[in-house]
Structure formats: structure tokens, C-alpha cells
Amino acid sequence: MPAPEKIYVYEVQGKVTPPEALCGDDFLGAWREGDYSYLFFSNPKEGQVQAWLKTTPAGVYSSETVLNYADWEAGQPFKPLSIAGLHFSPIWEEPAPPPGETLIRMEPGLAFGSGYHPTSKLCLELMRRLYEKDTPREVLDLGSGTGILALAALALGAHRVIAVEYNELAVRTAAKNVRHNHREQEILLIQGDARHFAHLPGDLVLANIHLDVLLDLLKIPEFLTKKYYIFSGVLGTQMERFREALAANPLKEIAALDENLWFAVLAVHEF
């Protein structure tokens, strides 16, 4: 179904999980930050949320916020997009990939990763370059967002992907996109902190994530055992710090791309 026109966000004091009765098709997910939970719906649910919270001591109703979906997406609607030999098509449209491009069906939801942001685009381009020369079979995707890079890795030739994402909203969207593309057997989706899963095996690591997390990952010995790495999420002003951290490890930068001050780096482990 198309993206909703409106998003209804309910702020709740306390860490809560809505009951099954509230988790219908119009429940978009939950976001927890500090001592608050934020429940996202595509239809108004203020009365139902308040009624439920009166039955549980775990949370106290705070407020309702109504947003235009276009504002959440920074005014960038999700339309068919071709990048690096891949064609990303919204699930609510009839796909029409150009000849030679591999189709990936996407539902952006409320998560990061529709292919429009430079960090995602740069990762996809570096992935295409890598898979033209080698074929990493096992991929570890840290900070998976909508699952766009995990799905792209399979389309390019990977056999299996472990995708780790911290944000519950993103995990919910990624799970839908895995199902849209019938990749349930090839993608293992995990909700958790990327740093807690850096030890998992993989021939290629995809890490499109905040700089502070990238720097933490580069300090984990078990993380530094893969063959290839694609790092993204680095702003131009942060590249010096990132390259210093990279140089302190047995990883060699072999390519870098940039767009609008965002950088992505392809590195190889020098065994």
C-alpha cells in the first residue's frame, strides 16, 4: 500500500510495548529514547492509546503529534530509482525496471535507507564496484535501516546476509522489505547494537552508521577479521578522524566516493 499521508505519533512516558490489539496494519512501529516511548500509526489512535495506558502502570500518556509523511521524509517522496545496476521500486507501483537492472521492491516506512541519501547511494556504488571484481558470499550489514544494502548485496551475488539494526522502527520496515523480496531464507535480521554483533563472521562488512559507532567498531579486534569493508555515514569534516582510525588498523583504503560532503570508503584487510 502507498505511504500514508499523515503520521500520528504518541509520546508515552515510560518504556512500553503496545498490545496486540493496537498492532494492526496501521501500527508503524515504536521508537524508544531515554525514558520515553514514541508510538507511530498511520491512523489516529489517541483514544485507544490512552485507554490502554490506563490499564498498565508501565507508561503515562504525554501527547499526540500529527506529521505529514512528506515532512518526515524531508520532502523527498519515494519513487522508482536506478542505482548501480539495481532498480528500487515502491511496493505500491507496478515495477518497470530498465533492461539489465535487477528489481528490488521497497517500502521506506519510517526508517533510513530509500536510496536517495548520499550515504546509501555511495555504498551501493562501492558494492557494485566490489562485486564486479570479487564475490563476497557472506555479508554482515551493521546499521541495516530499511534493509536496502542487505537486499542489494544479495542481488549482486551474496548468498547470505546478517543484518543488524538498533531502531525498532527500522527493524519493522526491514522485515517487511525482506518479505516483499522473498529473501527470508537469506537474510537474518537482528535488532540490537551493531557493536554487540561486530564479532559475527562475514566476507564483507557494510557499516553505514554514525561516526562514533564506526570508531568504536574499529577498536573491536573481532571486527577486524573480515576481508572487505564498506564504511559510510562520514561527513567531510569527520574524514580526517575516520582515516586516522582506519590507518591504525590492518585495513587499507582502496576507494572512496563523496557526494554533498558525505563520504563512503571501501577498505580491504591486509592479511
C-alpha atoms as a PDB file:
ATOM      1  CA  MET A   1       0.000   0.000   0.000  1.00  0.00           C
ATOM      2  CA  PRO A   2       1.209   3.594  -0.597  1.00  0.00           C
ATOM      3  CA  ALA A   3       2.916   5.568   2.134  1.00  0.00           C
ATOM      4  CA  PRO A   4       0.444   7.254   4.497  1.00  0.00           C
ATOM      5  CA  GLU A   5      -0.348  10.939   4.079  1.00  0.00           C
ATOM      6  CA  LYS A   6      -0.242  11.516   7.841  1.00  0.00           C
ATOM      7  CA  ILE A   7       1.746  10.036  10.708  1.00  0.00           C
ATOM      8  CA  TYR A   8       0.275  10.026  14.220  1.00  0.00           C
ATOM      9  CA  VAL A   9       2.915   9.927  16.935  1.00  0.00           C
ATOM     10  CA  TYR A  10       2.040   9.294  20.584  1.00  0.00           C
ATOM     11  CA  GLU A  11       4.587  10.162  23.239  1.00  0.00           C
ATOM     12  CA  VAL A  12       4.435   7.973  26.325  1.00  0.00           C
ATOM     13  CA  GLN A  13       6.493   8.430  29.468  1.00  0.00           C
ATOM     14  CA  GLY A  14       7.979   5.028  30.154  1.00  0.00           C
ATOM     15  CA  LYS A  15       9.307   2.141  28.083  1.00  0.00           C
ATOM     16  CA  VAL A  16       6.242   0.374  26.753  1.00  0.00           C
ATOM     17  CA  THR A  17       5.297  -2.178  24.121  1.00  0.00           C
ATOM     18  CA  PRO A  18       1.781  -1.785  22.711  1.00  0.00           C
ATOM     19  CA  PRO A  19      -0.576  -4.771  22.995  1.00  0.00           C
ATOM     20  CA  GLU A  20      -1.503  -6.906  20.015  1.00  0.00           C
ATOM     21  CA  ALA A  21      -4.868  -5.140  19.750  1.00  0.00           C
ATOM     22  CA  LEU A  22      -3.038  -1.917  18.794  1.00  0.00           C
ATOM     23  CA  CYS A  23      -0.556  -3.555  16.419  1.00  0.00           C
ATOM     24  CA  GLY A  24      -2.706  -3.758  13.303  1.00  0.00           C
ATOM     25  CA  ASP A  25      -1.744  -2.750   9.789  1.00  0.00           C
ATOM     26  CA  ASP A  26      -1.784   0.921  10.750  1.00  0.00           C
ATOM     27  CA  PHE A  27       0.816   0.452  13.514  1.00  0.00           C
ATOM     28  CA  LEU A  28       4.118   1.650  12.031  1.00  0.00           C
ATOM     29  CA  GLY A  29       6.354   0.876  14.976  1.00  0.00           C
ATOM     30  CA  ALA A  30       7.808   2.204  18.214  1.00  0.00           C
ATOM     31  CA  TRP A  31      10.811   4.345  18.958  1.00  0.00           C
ATOM     32  CA  ARG A  32      12.277   4.447  22.462  1.00  0.00           C
ATOM     33  CA  GLU A  33      14.534   7.254  23.569  1.00  0.00           C
ATOM     34  CA  GLY A  34      15.602   7.735  27.174  1.00  0.00           C
ATOM     35  CA  ASP A  35      12.598   7.278  29.446  1.00  0.00           C
ATOM     36  CA  TYR A  36      10.065   7.850  26.663  1.00  0.00           C
ATOM     37  CA  SER A  37       8.405   5.705  24.015  1.00  0.00           C
ATOM     38  CA  TYR A  38       7.010   7.037  20.746  1.00  0.00           C
ATOM     39  CA  LEU A  39       4.290   5.021  19.027  1.00  0.00           C
ATOM     40  CA  PHE A  40       3.746   5.625  15.310  1.00  0.00           C
ATOM     41  CA  PHE A  41       0.465   4.985  13.473  1.00  0.00           C
ATOM     42  CA  SER A  42      -0.942   5.810  10.041  1.00  0.00           C
ATOM     43  CA  ASN A  43      -4.396   6.488  11.556  1.00  0.00           C
ATOM     44  CA  PRO A  44      -5.424   8.459  14.690  1.00  0.00           C
ATOM     45  CA  LYS A  45      -5.267   6.269  17.803  1.00  0.00           C
ATOM     46  CA  GLU A  46      -5.272   8.729  20.689  1.00  0.00           C
ATOM     47  CA  GLY A  47      -8.354   7.288  22.370  1.00  0.00           C
ATOM     48  CA  GLN A  48      -7.182   3.678  22.072  1.00  0.00           C
ATOM     49  CA  VAL A  49      -3.675   4.516  23.290  1.00  0.00           C
ATOM     50  CA  GLN A  50      -4.990   6.410  26.289  1.00  0.00           C
ATOM     51  CA  ALA A  51      -7.443   3.623  27.156  1.00  0.00           C
ATOM     52  CA  TRP A  52      -4.664   1.013  27.028  1.00  0.00           C
ATOM     53  CA  LEU A  53      -2.288   3.088  29.166  1.00  0.00           C
ATOM     54  CA  LYS A  54      -4.932   3.350  31.889  1.00  0.00           C
ATOM     55  CA  THR A  55      -4.673  -0.423  32.269  1.00  0.00           C
ATOM     56  CA  THR A  56      -0.876  -0.611  32.654  1.00  0.00           C
ATOM     57  CA  PRO A  57       1.482   1.045  35.159  1.00  0.00           C
ATOM     58  CA  ALA A  58       4.360   0.919  32.652  1.00  0.00           C
ATOM     59  CA  GLY A  59       3.571   4.175  30.876  1.00  0.00           C
ATOM     60  CA  VAL A  60       1.840   7.542  31.165  1.00  0.00           C
ATOM     61  CA  TYR A  61       0.296   9.268  28.156  1.00  0.00           C
ATOM     62  CA  SER A  62       2.037  12.517  27.223  1.00  0.00           C
ATOM     63  CA  SER A  63       0.963  13.907  23.844  1.00  0.00           C
ATOM     64  CA  GLU A  64      -0.064  13.404  20.217  1.00  0.00           C
ATOM     65  CA  THR A  65       1.846  14.836  17.255  1.00  0.00           C
ATOM     66  CA  VAL A  66       0.497  14.713  13.704  1.00  0.00           C
ATOM     67  CA  LEU A  67       3.002  14.959  10.861  1.00  0.00           C
ATOM     68  CA  ASN A  68       2.820  14.962   7.097  1.00  0.00           C
ATOM     69  CA  TYR A  69       4.667  11.897   5.828  1.00  0.00           C
ATOM     70  CA  ALA A  70       6.451  14.115   3.286  1.00  0.00           C
ATOM     71  CA  ASP A  71       7.840  16.203   6.145  1.00  0.00           C
ATOM     72  CA  TRP A  72       9.173  13.073   7.872  1.00  0.00           C
ATOM     73  CA  GLU A  73      10.867  12.109   4.587  1.00  0.00           C
ATOM     74  CA  ALA A  74      12.344  15.629   4.290  1.00  0.00           C
ATOM     75  CA  GLY A  75      10.074  16.338   1.360  1.00  0.00           C
ATOM     76  CA  GLN A  76      11.562  13.514  -0.727  1.00  0.00           C
ATOM     77  CA  PRO A  77       8.872  11.096  -1.883  1.00  0.00           C
ATOM     78  CA  PHE A  78       9.985   7.569  -2.700  1.00  0.00           C
ATOM     79  CA  LYS A  79       9.826   6.996  -6.436  1.00  0.00           C
ATOM     80  CA  PRO A  80      11.414   4.353  -8.694  1.00  0.00           C
ATOM     81  CA  LEU A  81      15.173   4.738  -8.603  1.00  0.00           C
ATOM     82  CA  SER A  82      18.023   3.104 -10.529  1.00  0.00           C
ATOM     83  CA  ILE A  83      21.462   2.903  -8.899  1.00  0.00           C
ATOM     84  CA  ALA A  84      24.458   0.681  -9.632  1.00  0.00           C
ATOM     85  CA  GLY A  85      22.540  -1.698 -11.877  1.00  0.00           C
ATOM     86  CA  LEU A  86      19.712  -2.093  -9.358  1.00  0.00           C
ATOM     87  CA  HIS A  87      16.160  -0.785  -9.708  1.00  0.00           C
ATOM     88  CA  PHE A  88      14.360   0.129  -6.485  1.00  0.00           C
ATOM     89  CA  SER A  89      10.599   0.258  -6.911  1.00  0.00           C
ATOM     90  CA  PRO A  90       7.905   1.217  -4.349  1.00  0.00           C
ATOM     91  CA  ILE A  91       5.681  -1.725  -3.494  1.00  0.00           C
ATOM     92  CA  TRP A  92       2.578   0.290  -4.365  1.00  0.00           C
ATOM     93  CA  GLU A  93       3.647   0.757  -8.004  1.00  0.00           C
ATOM     94  CA  GLU A  94       3.840  -1.693 -10.887  1.00  0.00           C
ATOM     95  CA  PRO A  95       7.585  -2.256 -11.312  1.00  0.00           C
ATOM     96  CA  ALA A  96       9.204  -1.418 -14.631  1.00  0.00           C
ATOM     97  CA  PRO A  97      12.953  -1.974 -14.282  1.00  0.00           C
ATOM     98  CA  PRO A  98      15.068  -0.937 -17.274  1.00  0.00           C
ATOM     99  CA  PRO A  99      16.664  -3.814 -19.236  1.00  0.00           C
ATOM    100  CA  GLY A 100      19.575  -5.376 -17.381  1.00  0.00           C
ATOM    101  CA  GLU A 101      18.705  -3.948 -13.965  1.00  0.00           C
ATOM    102  CA  THR A 102      17.774  -6.154 -11.009  1.00  0.00           C
ATOM    103  CA  LEU A 103      14.471  -5.319  -9.332  1.00  0.00           C
ATOM    104  CA  ILE A 104      14.245  -4.694  -5.580  1.00  0.00           C
ATOM    105  CA  ARG A 105      10.823  -3.853  -4.114  1.00  0.00           C
ATOM    106  CA  MET A 106      10.937  -1.345  -1.272  1.00  0.00           C
ATOM    107  CA  GLU A 107       8.672   0.127   1.386  1.00  0.00           C
ATOM    108  CA  PRO A 108      10.524   3.044   3.031  1.00  0.00           C
ATOM    109  CA  GLY A 109       8.304   3.144   6.121  1.00  0.00           C
ATOM    110  CA  LEU A 110       9.786   5.450   8.757  1.00  0.00           C
ATOM    111  CA  ALA A 111      13.342   4.145   8.506  1.00  0.00           C
ATOM    112  CA  PHE A 112      16.554   5.398   6.973  1.00  0.00           C
ATOM    113  CA  GLY A 113      17.522   3.999   3.581  1.00  0.00           C
ATOM    114  CA  SER A 114      15.425   4.691   0.496  1.00  0.00           C
ATOM    115  CA  GLY A 115      18.428   5.080  -1.793  1.00  0.00           C
ATOM    116  CA  TYR A 116      18.171   8.842  -2.141  1.00  0.00           C
ATOM    117  CA  HIS A 117      20.566   9.820   0.630  1.00  0.00           C
ATOM    118  CA  PRO A 118      24.214  10.100  -0.476  1.00  0.00           C
ATOM    119  CA  THR A 119      25.399   7.619   2.151  1.00  0.00           C
ATOM    120  CA  SER A 120      23.174   4.867   0.728  1.00  0.00           C
ATOM    121  CA  LYS A 121      23.937   5.785  -2.889  1.00  0.00           C
ATOM    122  CA  LEU A 122      27.684   5.769  -2.286  1.00  0.00           C
ATOM    123  CA  CYS A 123      27.517   2.389  -0.552  1.00  0.00           C
ATOM    124  CA  LEU A 124      25.583   0.917  -3.463  1.00  0.00           C
ATOM    125  CA  GLU A 125      28.121   2.206  -5.963  1.00  0.00           C
ATOM    126  CA  LEU A 126      31.057   0.816  -3.970  1.00  0.00           C
ATOM    127  CA  MET A 127      29.248  -2.508  -3.629  1.00  0.00           C
ATOM    128  CA  ARG A 128      28.755  -2.677  -7.394  1.00  0.00           C
ATOM    129  CA  ARG A 129      32.464  -1.986  -7.980  1.00  0.00           C
ATOM    130  CA  LEU A 130      33.487  -4.646  -5.482  1.00  0.00           C
ATOM    131  CA  TYR A 131      31.164  -7.322  -6.857  1.00  0.00           C
ATOM    132  CA  GLU A 132      32.471  -6.696 -10.366  1.00  0.00           C
ATOM    133  CA  LYS A 133      35.900  -7.872  -9.154  1.00  0.00           C
ATOM    134  CA  ASP A 134      35.085 -10.353  -6.384  1.00  0.00           C
ATOM    135  CA  THR A 135      32.015 -12.026  -4.894  1.00  0.00           C
ATOM    136  CA  PRO A 136      31.844 -11.860  -1.085  1.00  0.00           C
ATOM    137  CA  ARG A 137      29.339 -14.565  -0.185  1.00  0.00           C
ATOM    138  CA  GLU A 138      28.707 -13.828   3.493  1.00  0.00           C
ATOM    139  CA  VAL A 139      27.798 -10.228   4.392  1.00  0.00           C
ATOM    140  CA  LEU A 140      27.455  -8.542   7.786  1.00  0.00           C
ATOM    141  CA  ASP A 141      25.287  -5.412   7.492  1.00  0.00           C
ATOM    142  CA  LEU A 142      25.611  -3.204  10.575  1.00  0.00           C
ATOM    143  CA  GLY A 143      23.048  -0.407  10.799  1.00  0.00           C
ATOM    144  CA  SER A 144      20.759  -2.012   8.242  1.00  0.00           C
ATOM    145  CA  GLY A 145      17.979   0.618   8.247  1.00  0.00           C
ATOM    146  CA  THR A 146      15.324  -0.415   5.728  1.00  0.00           C
ATOM    147  CA  GLY A 147      17.453  -3.380   4.645  1.00  0.00           C
ATOM    148  CA  ILE A 148      18.332  -1.715   1.343  1.00  0.00           C
ATOM    149  CA  LEU A 149      22.019  -2.679   1.408  1.00  0.00           C
ATOM    150  CA  ALA A 150      21.305  -6.227   2.572  1.00  0.00           C
ATOM    151  CA  LEU A 151      18.901  -6.729  -0.325  1.00  0.00           C
ATOM    152  CA  ALA A 152      21.352  -5.129  -2.735  1.00  0.00           C
ATOM    153  CA  ALA A 153      24.145  -7.461  -1.588  1.00  0.00           C
ATOM    154  CA  LEU A 154      22.018 -10.497  -2.422  1.00  0.00           C
ATOM    155  CA  ALA A 155      21.081  -9.024  -5.795  1.00  0.00           C
ATOM    156  CA  LEU A 156      24.778  -8.503  -6.573  1.00  0.00           C
ATOM    157  CA  GLY A 157      25.787 -12.045  -5.704  1.00  0.00           C
ATOM    158  CA  ALA A 158      25.963 -12.592  -1.934  1.00  0.00           C
ATOM    159  CA  HIS A 159      24.482 -15.814  -0.582  1.00  0.00           C
ATOM    160  CA  ARG A 160      23.608 -14.771   2.955  1.00  0.00           C
ATOM    161  CA  VAL A 161      23.364 -11.558   4.982  1.00  0.00           C
ATOM    162  CA  ILE A 162      23.211 -10.944   8.716  1.00  0.00           C
ATOM    163  CA  ALA A 163      21.562  -7.540   9.122  1.00  0.00           C
ATOM    164  CA  VAL A 164      21.748  -5.731  12.488  1.00  0.00           C
ATOM    165  CA  GLU A 165      19.675  -2.652  13.293  1.00  0.00           C
ATOM    166  CA  TYR A 166      19.090  -0.934  16.639  1.00  0.00           C
ATOM    167  CA  ASN A 167      15.965   1.088  15.866  1.00  0.00           C
ATOM    168  CA  GLU A 168      12.713  -0.843  16.222  1.00  0.00           C
ATOM    169  CA  LEU A 169      11.011   1.259  13.544  1.00  0.00           C
ATOM    170  CA  ALA A 170      13.741   0.353  11.072  1.00  0.00           C
ATOM    171  CA  VAL A 171      13.675  -3.335  12.008  1.00  0.00           C
ATOM    172  CA  ARG A 172       9.950  -3.465  11.382  1.00  0.00           C
ATOM    173  CA  THR A 173      10.405  -1.849   7.958  1.00  0.00           C
ATOM    174  CA  ALA A 174      13.372  -4.059   7.061  1.00  0.00           C
ATOM    175  CA  ALA A 175      11.372  -7.184   7.902  1.00  0.00           C
ATOM    176  CA  LYS A 176       8.638  -6.059   5.512  1.00  0.00           C
ATOM    177  CA  ASN A 177      11.163  -5.420   2.746  1.00  0.00           C
ATOM    178  CA  VAL A 178      12.737  -8.828   3.233  1.00  0.00           C
ATOM    179  CA  ARG A 179       9.277 -10.366   2.768  1.00  0.00           C
ATOM    180  CA  HIS A 180       8.466  -8.156  -0.237  1.00  0.00           C
ATOM    181  CA  ASN A 181      11.543  -9.588  -1.969  1.00  0.00           C
ATOM    182  CA  HIS A 182      11.094 -13.179  -0.713  1.00  0.00           C
ATOM    183  CA  ARG A 183      14.514 -13.178   0.943  1.00  0.00           C
ATOM    184  CA  GLU A 184      13.501 -14.634   4.306  1.00  0.00           C
ATOM    185  CA  GLN A 185      15.846 -17.601   3.890  1.00  0.00           C
ATOM    186  CA  GLU A 186      18.879 -15.473   3.015  1.00  0.00           C
ATOM    187  CA  ILE A 187      18.644 -12.541   5.438  1.00  0.00           C
ATOM    188  CA  LEU A 188      18.844 -12.938   9.199  1.00  0.00           C
ATOM    189  CA  LEU A 189      17.545  -9.710  10.752  1.00  0.00           C
ATOM    190  CA  ILE A 190      18.661  -8.875  14.296  1.00  0.00           C
ATOM    191  CA  GLN A 191      17.546  -5.970  16.473  1.00  0.00           C
ATOM    192  CA  GLY A 192      20.470  -4.777  18.546  1.00  0.00           C
ATOM    193  CA  ASP A 193      23.531  -2.565  18.870  1.00  0.00           C
ATOM    194  CA  ALA A 194      25.971  -3.024  15.970  1.00  0.00           C
ATOM    195  CA  ARG A 195      28.904  -3.094  18.386  1.00  0.00           C
ATOM    196  CA  HIS A 196      27.475  -6.138  20.148  1.00  0.00           C
ATOM    197  CA  PHE A 197      27.438  -8.123  16.891  1.00  0.00           C
ATOM    198  CA  ALA A 198      30.730  -6.956  15.365  1.00  0.00           C
ATOM    199  CA  HIS A 199      32.251 -10.372  16.054  1.00  0.00           C
ATOM    200  CA  LEU A 200      29.906 -12.194  13.684  1.00  0.00           C
ATOM    201  CA  PRO A 201      31.562 -13.641  10.575  1.00  0.00           C
ATOM    202  CA  GLY A 202      31.391 -12.213   7.076  1.00  0.00           C
ATOM    203  CA  ASP A 203      33.448 -11.779   3.920  1.00  0.00           C
ATOM    204  CA  LEU A 204      32.143  -8.215   3.638  1.00  0.00           C
ATOM    205  CA  VAL A 205      31.025  -5.733   6.284  1.00  0.00           C
ATOM    206  CA  LEU A 206      28.609  -2.944   5.398  1.00  0.00           C
ATOM    207  CA  ALA A 207      28.630  -0.199   8.026  1.00  0.00           C
ATOM    208  CA  ASN A 208      26.533   2.814   7.039  1.00  0.00           C
ATOM    209  CA  ILE A 209      26.250   4.256  10.506  1.00  0.00           C
ATOM    210  CA  HIS A 210      27.225   7.182  12.772  1.00  0.00           C
ATOM    211  CA  LEU A 211      30.894   8.104  13.033  1.00  0.00           C
ATOM    212  CA  ASP A 212      31.070   7.409  16.779  1.00  0.00           C
ATOM    213  CA  VAL A 213      29.879   3.840  16.159  1.00  0.00           C
ATOM    214  CA  LEU A 214      32.344   3.393  13.286  1.00  0.00           C
ATOM    215  CA  LEU A 215      35.201   4.484  15.564  1.00  0.00           C
ATOM    216  CA  ASP A 216      34.036   2.059  18.257  1.00  0.00           C
ATOM    217  CA  LEU A 217      33.862  -0.790  15.732  1.00  0.00           C
ATOM    218  CA  LEU A 218      37.447  -0.156  14.654  1.00  0.00           C
ATOM    219  CA  LYS A 219      38.533  -0.764  18.261  1.00  0.00           C
ATOM    220  CA  ILE A 220      36.995  -4.261  18.416  1.00  0.00           C
ATOM    221  CA  PRO A 221      39.576  -6.957  17.498  1.00  0.00           C
ATOM    222  CA  GLU A 222      36.929  -9.458  16.375  1.00  0.00           C
ATOM    223  CA  PHE A 223      35.563  -6.887  13.948  1.00  0.00           C
ATOM    224  CA  LEU A 224      38.901  -6.622  12.164  1.00  0.00           C
ATOM    225  CA  THR A 225      38.855 -10.167  10.781  1.00  0.00           C
ATOM    226  CA  LYS A 226      36.804  -9.746   7.601  1.00  0.00           C
ATOM    227  CA  LYS A 227      38.155  -9.346   4.058  1.00  0.00           C
ATOM    228  CA  TYR A 228      36.252  -6.322   2.773  1.00  0.00           C
ATOM    229  CA  TYR A 229      34.660  -3.315   4.483  1.00  0.00           C
ATOM    230  CA  ILE A 230      32.404  -0.552   3.183  1.00  0.00           C
ATOM    231  CA  PHE A 231      32.081   2.335   5.620  1.00  0.00           C
ATOM    232  CA  SER A 232      29.649   5.212   5.185  1.00  0.00           C
ATOM    233  CA  GLY A 233      27.919   7.911   7.215  1.00  0.00           C
ATOM    234  CA  VAL A 234      31.052  10.080   7.430  1.00  0.00           C
ATOM    235  CA  LEU A 235      30.831  13.825   6.793  1.00  0.00           C
ATOM    236  CA  GLY A 236      33.712  15.603   5.125  1.00  0.00           C
ATOM    237  CA  THR A 237      34.707  17.351   8.334  1.00  0.00           C
ATOM    238  CA  GLN A 238      34.967  13.923  10.015  1.00  0.00           C
ATOM    239  CA  MET A 239      37.082  12.181   7.374  1.00  0.00           C
ATOM    240  CA  GLU A 240      40.417  13.033   8.964  1.00  0.00           C
ATOM    241  CA  ARG A 241      39.389  11.383  12.254  1.00  0.00           C
ATOM    242  CA  PHE A 242      37.993   8.365  10.432  1.00  0.00           C
ATOM    243  CA  ARG A 243      41.081   7.899   8.247  1.00  0.00           C
ATOM    244  CA  GLU A 244      43.346   8.143  11.282  1.00  0.00           C
ATOM    245  CA  ALA A 245      41.383   5.376  12.992  1.00  0.00           C
ATOM    246  CA  LEU A 246      41.414   3.289   9.822  1.00  0.00           C
ATOM    247  CA  ALA A 247      45.173   3.680   9.401  1.00  0.00           C
ATOM    248  CA  ALA A 248      45.748   2.426  12.954  1.00  0.00           C
ATOM    249  CA  ASN A 249      44.321  -0.956  11.917  1.00  0.00           C
ATOM    250  CA  PRO A 250      45.311  -3.563   9.307  1.00  0.00           C
ATOM    251  CA  LEU A 251      42.751  -2.133   6.876  1.00  0.00           C
ATOM    252  CA  LYS A 252      43.744  -0.419   3.634  1.00  0.00           C
ATOM    253  CA  GLU A 253      41.512   2.123   1.928  1.00  0.00           C
ATOM    254  CA  ILE A 254      41.212   1.162  -1.740  1.00  0.00           C
ATOM    255  CA  ALA A 255      38.420   3.506  -2.883  1.00  0.00           C
ATOM    256  CA  ALA A 256      36.479   6.486  -1.599  1.00  0.00           C
ATOM    257  CA  LEU A 257      33.453   8.307  -3.009  1.00  0.00           C
ATOM    258  CA  ASP A 258      31.796  11.513  -1.896  1.00  0.00           C
ATOM    259  CA  GLU A 259      28.622  13.459  -2.576  1.00  0.00           C
ATOM    260  CA  ASN A 260      27.377  16.624  -0.866  1.00  0.00           C
ATOM    261  CA  LEU A 261      30.088  16.338   1.827  1.00  0.00           C
ATOM    262  CA  TRP A 262      29.189  12.714   2.648  1.00  0.00           C
ATOM    263  CA  PHE A 263      31.882  10.060   2.210  1.00  0.00           C
ATOM    264  CA  ALA A 264      31.947   6.296   1.790  1.00  0.00           C
ATOM    265  CA  VAL A 265      35.097   4.160   1.871  1.00  0.00           C
ATOM    266  CA  LEU A 266      35.901   0.687   0.570  1.00  0.00           C
ATOM    267  CA  ALA A 267      38.692  -0.992   2.512  1.00  0.00           C
ATOM    268  CA  VAL A 268      40.413  -4.375   2.431  1.00  0.00           C
ATOM    269  CA  HIS A 269      42.060  -6.320   5.236  1.00  0.00           C
ATOM    270  CA  GLU A 270      45.778  -6.656   4.650  1.00  0.00           C
ATOM    271  CA  PHE A 271      46.383 -10.175   5.957  1.00  0.00           C
END
